Protein backbone atom coordinates (compact mmCIF):
# COMPACT_ATOMS: atom_id res chain seq x y z
CA MET A 1 -0.99 -9.97 -43.19
CA THR A 2 2.74 -9.47 -42.85
CA THR A 3 3.93 -9.18 -39.39
CA SER A 4 6.78 -6.90 -39.10
CA GLU A 5 9.65 -7.70 -36.44
CA ASP A 6 8.85 -5.10 -34.59
CA ASP A 7 5.28 -6.38 -34.12
CA LEU A 8 6.71 -9.94 -33.16
CA ILE A 9 8.92 -8.05 -30.33
CA SER A 10 6.00 -6.07 -29.61
CA ALA A 11 3.85 -9.40 -28.68
CA PHE A 12 6.74 -11.11 -27.13
CA LYS A 13 7.15 -8.36 -24.56
CA LYS A 14 3.20 -8.26 -23.81
CA MET A 15 3.48 -12.25 -23.41
CA ARG A 16 6.58 -11.81 -21.01
CA ARG A 17 4.45 -9.34 -19.15
CA SER A 18 1.44 -12.02 -18.72
CA LEU A 19 3.69 -14.35 -17.58
CA LEU A 20 5.37 -12.85 -15.38
CA ALA A 21 2.78 -11.01 -13.56
CA VAL A 22 0.97 -13.87 -12.07
CA PRO A 23 -1.22 -12.48 -9.19
CA ALA A 24 -0.29 -13.95 -6.00
CA ALA A 25 1.21 -12.69 -2.25
CA ALA A 26 4.54 -11.95 -2.26
CA ALA A 27 7.38 -11.03 -0.33
CA LEU A 28 10.81 -9.91 -1.23
CA VAL A 29 13.75 -8.84 0.85
CA LEU A 30 17.43 -8.91 0.79
CA GLY A 31 17.88 -11.06 4.04
CA LEU A 32 15.19 -12.47 6.31
CA THR A 33 11.52 -11.60 5.71
CA GLY A 34 10.29 -8.83 7.92
CA SER A 35 13.99 -8.65 9.83
CA ALA A 36 16.17 -5.98 10.64
CA GLN A 37 18.35 -7.59 8.02
CA ALA A 38 15.93 -7.07 5.30
CA HIS A 39 16.29 -4.01 3.13
CA TYR A 40 12.76 -3.89 2.13
CA VAL A 41 9.40 -6.04 2.52
CA TYR A 42 6.34 -6.13 0.56
CA GLU A 43 3.08 -7.85 -0.35
CA TRP A 44 0.66 -8.10 -3.21
CA THR A 45 -2.23 -9.59 -4.27
CA GLU A 46 -5.39 -9.60 -6.39
CA THR A 47 -8.25 -7.81 -3.95
CA TRP A 48 -10.79 -7.87 -6.43
CA ARG A 49 -12.27 -9.52 -9.45
CA SER A 50 -15.45 -8.50 -11.64
CA GLY A 51 -18.33 -11.33 -11.45
CA ASP A 52 -17.62 -12.13 -15.58
CA GLY A 53 -13.62 -12.40 -14.50
CA THR A 54 -12.30 -9.83 -16.92
CA ARG A 55 -11.35 -7.05 -14.61
CA CYS A 56 -8.97 -6.95 -11.49
CA LEU A 57 -7.55 -5.00 -8.90
CA GLN A 58 -4.18 -5.58 -7.62
CA ASN A 59 -2.77 -4.27 -4.48
CA ARG A 60 0.78 -3.81 -3.22
CA SER A 61 2.18 -2.67 -0.06
CA GLU A 62 6.03 -2.12 0.52
CA ILE A 63 8.14 -0.64 3.32
CA SER A 64 11.84 0.08 3.20
CA ASP A 65 14.97 1.61 5.07
CA GLY A 66 15.57 3.40 1.82
CA ASN A 67 18.77 5.03 1.84
CA ASN A 68 20.50 8.35 2.71
CA SER A 69 19.12 7.68 6.42
CA GLN A 70 15.61 7.75 5.37
CA GLY A 71 13.32 5.05 4.90
CA TYR A 72 9.85 5.03 2.84
CA ILE A 73 6.74 3.22 2.44
CA LYS A 74 4.85 2.75 -0.84
CA GLY A 75 1.59 1.76 -2.27
CA ASP A 76 0.73 0.67 -5.89
CA ALA A 77 -3.05 0.12 -7.00
CA THR A 78 -2.97 -1.59 -10.73
CA SER A 79 -5.77 -2.17 -13.00
CA LEU A 80 -5.52 -5.09 -14.91
CA HIS A 81 -7.74 -7.44 -17.24
CA ASN A 82 -7.89 -10.73 -19.00
CA SER A 83 -7.00 -11.36 -22.49
CA GLU A 84 -7.08 -14.19 -25.03
CA LEU A 85 -3.33 -15.12 -24.39
CA THR A 86 -4.33 -15.34 -20.49
CA PRO A 87 -7.94 -16.43 -19.98
CA LEU A 88 -7.51 -17.93 -16.45
CA GLY A 89 -6.04 -14.74 -14.66
CA CYS A 90 -6.25 -10.89 -15.05
CA THR A 91 -2.58 -10.32 -15.65
CA ASN A 92 -2.46 -7.89 -18.32
CA SER A 93 -2.47 -3.84 -17.89
CA TYR A 94 -5.53 -2.19 -18.57
CA GLU A 95 -5.42 1.71 -18.41
CA VAL A 96 -8.52 3.68 -16.51
CA THR A 97 -9.47 7.30 -16.62
CA SER A 98 -8.51 9.76 -13.85
CA GLY A 99 -10.59 9.29 -10.57
CA TYR A 100 -10.80 5.41 -11.06
CA LEU A 101 -7.86 4.42 -8.59
CA TRP A 102 -7.88 5.38 -5.02
CA GLU A 103 -5.30 4.82 -2.30
CA TYR A 104 -4.73 5.39 1.79
CA MET A 105 -1.80 4.59 3.22
CA ALA A 106 -1.89 3.67 7.55
CA VAL A 107 1.79 3.27 9.23
CA PHE A 108 1.84 0.61 12.38
CA LYS A 109 4.62 0.53 14.82
CA TRP A 110 4.63 -2.57 17.09
CA ASN A 111 4.32 -1.96 20.76
CA GLU A 112 6.52 -4.29 22.37
CA THR A 113 5.28 -3.45 25.75
CA ALA A 114 1.65 -4.05 24.81
CA GLY A 115 2.33 -6.76 22.54
CA GLU A 116 0.18 -4.95 19.69
CA TRP A 117 0.13 -2.70 16.90
CA ASN A 118 -0.22 0.74 17.18
CA GLU A 119 -1.36 3.20 14.17
CA CYS A 120 1.62 5.73 13.92
CA MET A 121 0.61 8.06 11.02
CA TYR A 122 -1.68 8.01 8.01
CA THR A 123 -2.47 9.80 4.63
CA ASP A 124 -4.44 12.90 4.90
CA GLY A 125 -7.43 11.59 2.92
CA TRP A 126 -7.67 9.26 0.03
CA TYR A 127 -5.62 10.16 -2.85
CA SER A 128 -6.90 9.33 -6.46
CA ASN A 129 -5.38 9.28 -10.04
CA SER A 130 -5.29 12.62 -12.07
CA SER A 131 -4.37 11.06 -15.22
CA THR A 132 -5.04 8.07 -17.40
CA VAL A 133 -3.14 4.90 -15.91
CA TYR A 134 -2.95 1.51 -15.15
CA LYS A 135 -0.67 1.77 -12.22
CA TYR A 136 -1.26 4.40 -9.44
CA GLN A 137 1.61 4.67 -6.75
CA ILE A 138 1.81 6.78 -3.59
CA TYR A 139 4.69 7.00 -1.26
CA ALA A 140 6.43 9.09 1.20
CA TYR A 141 9.85 9.06 2.97
CA SER A 142 10.14 8.51 6.74
CA GLU A 143 11.90 11.76 8.82
CA ASP A 144 15.38 12.06 9.01
CA TRP A 145 17.24 10.03 11.40
CA GLY A 146 14.90 7.05 11.52
CA GLY A 147 10.82 6.45 11.71
CA TRP A 148 7.96 8.56 12.53
CA CYS A 149 7.10 7.00 16.13
CA GLY A 150 10.80 6.31 17.12
CA LYS A 151 12.93 3.08 16.61
CA GLY A 152 11.20 -0.35 16.22
CA SER A 153 9.58 -2.41 14.13
CA TYR A 154 6.89 -0.85 11.44
CA GLY A 155 4.47 -2.22 9.08
CA LEU A 156 2.32 -0.56 6.64
CA MET A 157 -1.44 -1.37 5.37
CA ASN A 158 -2.10 0.01 1.91
CA PHE A 159 -5.63 0.39 0.93
CA SER A 160 -6.96 0.43 -2.74
CA GLU A 161 -10.18 1.02 -4.39
CA MET A 162 -10.98 1.12 -8.10
CA VAL A 163 -14.00 2.51 -9.59
CA TYR A 164 -15.94 0.04 -12.12
CA ASN A 165 -19.54 0.67 -14.19
CA GLY A 166 -19.49 3.69 -12.29
CA LYS A 167 -19.35 2.06 -8.92
CA ASN A 168 -16.62 1.90 -6.13
CA VAL A 169 -15.63 -2.17 -6.34
CA PHE A 170 -15.57 -2.05 -2.48
CA PRO A 171 -18.77 -0.04 -1.26
CA ASP A 172 -18.78 -1.20 2.21
CA GLY A 173 -15.25 -1.31 3.65
CA VAL A 174 -11.80 -1.40 1.48
CA PRO A 175 -9.56 -4.57 2.04
CA GLY A 176 -5.80 -3.62 2.58
CA ILE A 177 -2.73 -5.17 2.11
CA TRP A 178 -0.27 -5.41 5.21
CA SER A 179 3.42 -5.20 4.18
CA GLY A 180 5.20 -7.45 6.42
CA TYR A 181 7.26 -5.74 9.54
CA HIS A 182 10.64 -4.13 8.79
CA ASP A 183 12.71 -3.00 11.77
CA GLY A 184 14.04 0.60 11.34
CA LEU A 185 13.66 3.27 9.02
CA GLY A 186 16.58 4.66 7.84
CA ILE A 187 19.41 4.42 10.49
CA SER A 188 17.00 3.71 13.07
CA GLN A 189 17.29 0.31 14.40
CA ALA A 190 15.03 -2.16 16.46
CA SER A 191 13.93 -2.12 19.84
CA SER A 192 14.81 -5.68 20.17
CA SER A 193 15.26 -8.84 18.50
CA SER A 194 11.64 -9.75 18.58
CA SER A 195 9.72 -10.79 15.59
CA PRO A 196 6.26 -9.39 15.90
CA PRO A 197 3.48 -11.30 14.23
CA ALA A 198 1.16 -9.68 11.91
CA PRO A 199 -1.96 -7.88 13.48
CA GLU A 200 -4.78 -10.12 14.22
CA TRP A 201 -7.14 -8.76 11.38
CA VAL A 202 -4.53 -9.93 8.59
CA ASP A 203 -4.76 -13.25 6.86
CA GLU A 204 -1.77 -15.55 5.88
CA ASN A 205 -1.93 -13.75 2.49
CA GLY A 206 -1.36 -10.20 3.91
CA VAL A 207 -5.05 -9.30 3.31
CA VAL A 208 -6.50 -6.93 5.60
CA ASP A 209 -10.46 -8.06 6.40
CA PRO A 210 -12.71 -4.86 7.39
CA ASP A 211 -14.63 -7.51 9.26
CA GLN A 212 -12.17 -8.78 11.39
CA ALA A 213 -10.65 -4.96 12.31
CA PRO A 214 -10.85 -3.69 15.70
CA ASP A 215 -13.57 -0.81 15.95
CA THR A 216 -10.41 1.62 17.59
CA VAL A 217 -6.70 1.04 17.97
CA LYS A 218 -3.99 3.07 20.20
CA VAL A 219 -2.01 5.61 18.63
CA LEU A 220 1.76 6.26 19.36
CA GLY A 221 3.51 9.91 19.32
CA SER A 222 6.88 11.04 17.85
CA ASP A 223 8.20 9.15 20.80
CA GLY A 224 7.04 6.01 20.52
CA GLU A 225 4.85 5.77 23.47
CA VAL A 226 0.88 5.70 23.54
CA ALA A 227 -0.65 9.17 22.91
CA THR A 228 -3.08 10.32 25.93
CA ASP A 229 -5.74 13.38 25.81
CA GLY A 230 -6.17 15.88 28.51
CA ASP A 231 -7.39 13.49 31.03
CA GLY A 232 -4.80 10.80 30.72
CA ASN A 233 -6.70 8.38 28.50
CA PRO A 234 -5.21 6.70 25.34
CA ILE A 235 -6.19 8.21 21.94
CA GLU A 236 -7.48 5.78 19.64
CA VAL A 237 -8.87 5.64 16.32
CA ASP A 238 -10.35 3.68 13.68
CA PRO A 239 -7.53 1.64 12.09
CA MET A 240 -10.01 1.11 8.85
CA PRO A 241 -10.40 4.06 6.63
CA ALA A 242 -13.57 5.92 5.64
CA THR A 243 -14.95 5.14 1.90
CA PRO A 244 -12.98 7.11 -0.64
CA SER A 245 -15.32 10.23 -2.04
CA ALA A 246 -15.14 13.57 -2.49
CA GLU A 247 -15.49 14.43 1.22
CA THR A 248 -12.51 12.00 2.29
CA ALA A 249 -10.28 12.73 -0.53
CA ASN A 250 -7.28 14.78 -0.21
CA THR A 251 -7.46 18.29 -1.89
CA ASP A 252 -3.62 19.37 -1.87
CA GLY A 253 -3.25 16.33 -4.70
CA GLY A 254 0.80 15.87 -3.94
CA VAL A 255 3.70 16.01 -6.26
CA ARG A 256 2.67 14.38 -9.17
CA THR A 257 4.88 12.77 -12.13
CA LEU A 258 4.23 10.27 -14.88
CA THR A 259 6.33 7.55 -16.72
CA THR A 260 5.30 5.81 -19.52
CA ASP A 261 7.08 2.31 -20.67
CA ASP A 262 7.82 0.82 -23.83
CA ASP A 263 4.41 -0.62 -24.41
CA GLY A 264 2.80 2.69 -23.89
CA LEU A 265 1.23 2.14 -20.51
CA THR A 266 1.64 5.08 -17.80
CA THR A 267 2.39 4.92 -14.17
CA GLU A 268 1.29 7.86 -11.92
CA LYS A 269 3.69 8.21 -8.80
CA VAL A 270 2.35 10.69 -5.82
CA ALA A 271 4.55 12.10 -3.20
CA VAL A 272 1.90 12.03 -0.11
CA ASP A 273 1.27 13.89 3.21
CA LEU A 274 1.34 11.86 6.24
CA THR A 275 -0.65 13.19 9.54
CA ARG A 276 -1.26 12.33 13.21
CA PRO A 277 -4.97 12.27 14.89
CA GLN A 278 -5.68 15.74 16.23
CA GLY A 279 -3.93 16.02 19.81
CA VAL A 280 -0.85 13.74 18.83
CA ARG A 281 2.81 15.11 18.44
């Protein structure tokens, strides 16, 4: 069988993609990791692998100061598989049909006074892919002139779920990925030069352990202060999302765009809505 030049180029591209896409936790910044000097910070890792080792789910969480005085958050859920070229790792893209990749994001802000991470915003339900894709990406921009809960240090937890053989791969609690912290979104700046640690329920690879997460965390309002109810008690929420299902799905769907690369692989991007708990402004 004769191999054309185009076939060789395509094979080379796929091999290069495999070599570059080694699953591991990583962080990239233009400056110091997780500091006010960083342009953006992120973490990514493989969160699930099938029993036979042939299918995987990769999760990525990113937070950035963006541009034009507006920062953003972004999460990726990527479907991968093994191949004869890379038998030791899931490094090759694998497209799945609609409804197979799910994502949910929660924004946290460092409460310097209390020395803890409080929840600020989260997506209005789970979002799921509406087309056949190998990567599903959701994102949201911060409010103009700074973050959602005032100046300070922010972090993102991105939660990704995948359907495999007709079932959720995480039936009892979806692990998330912690982006690392970022000082300031848009033109806002950190309230101090402190370097907040990751939440206690996040391991050294940035993976959020549902079993170690607290039952509730306090919530911050748009002014950066702990929100309280009518009796003056702090409002608290479960930091872990409910299992993705029709009941927990976002029904609006968001503004979606599809892009296809040179290898014919499709990514779906969705601009999502963020919300606050009931009674929080």
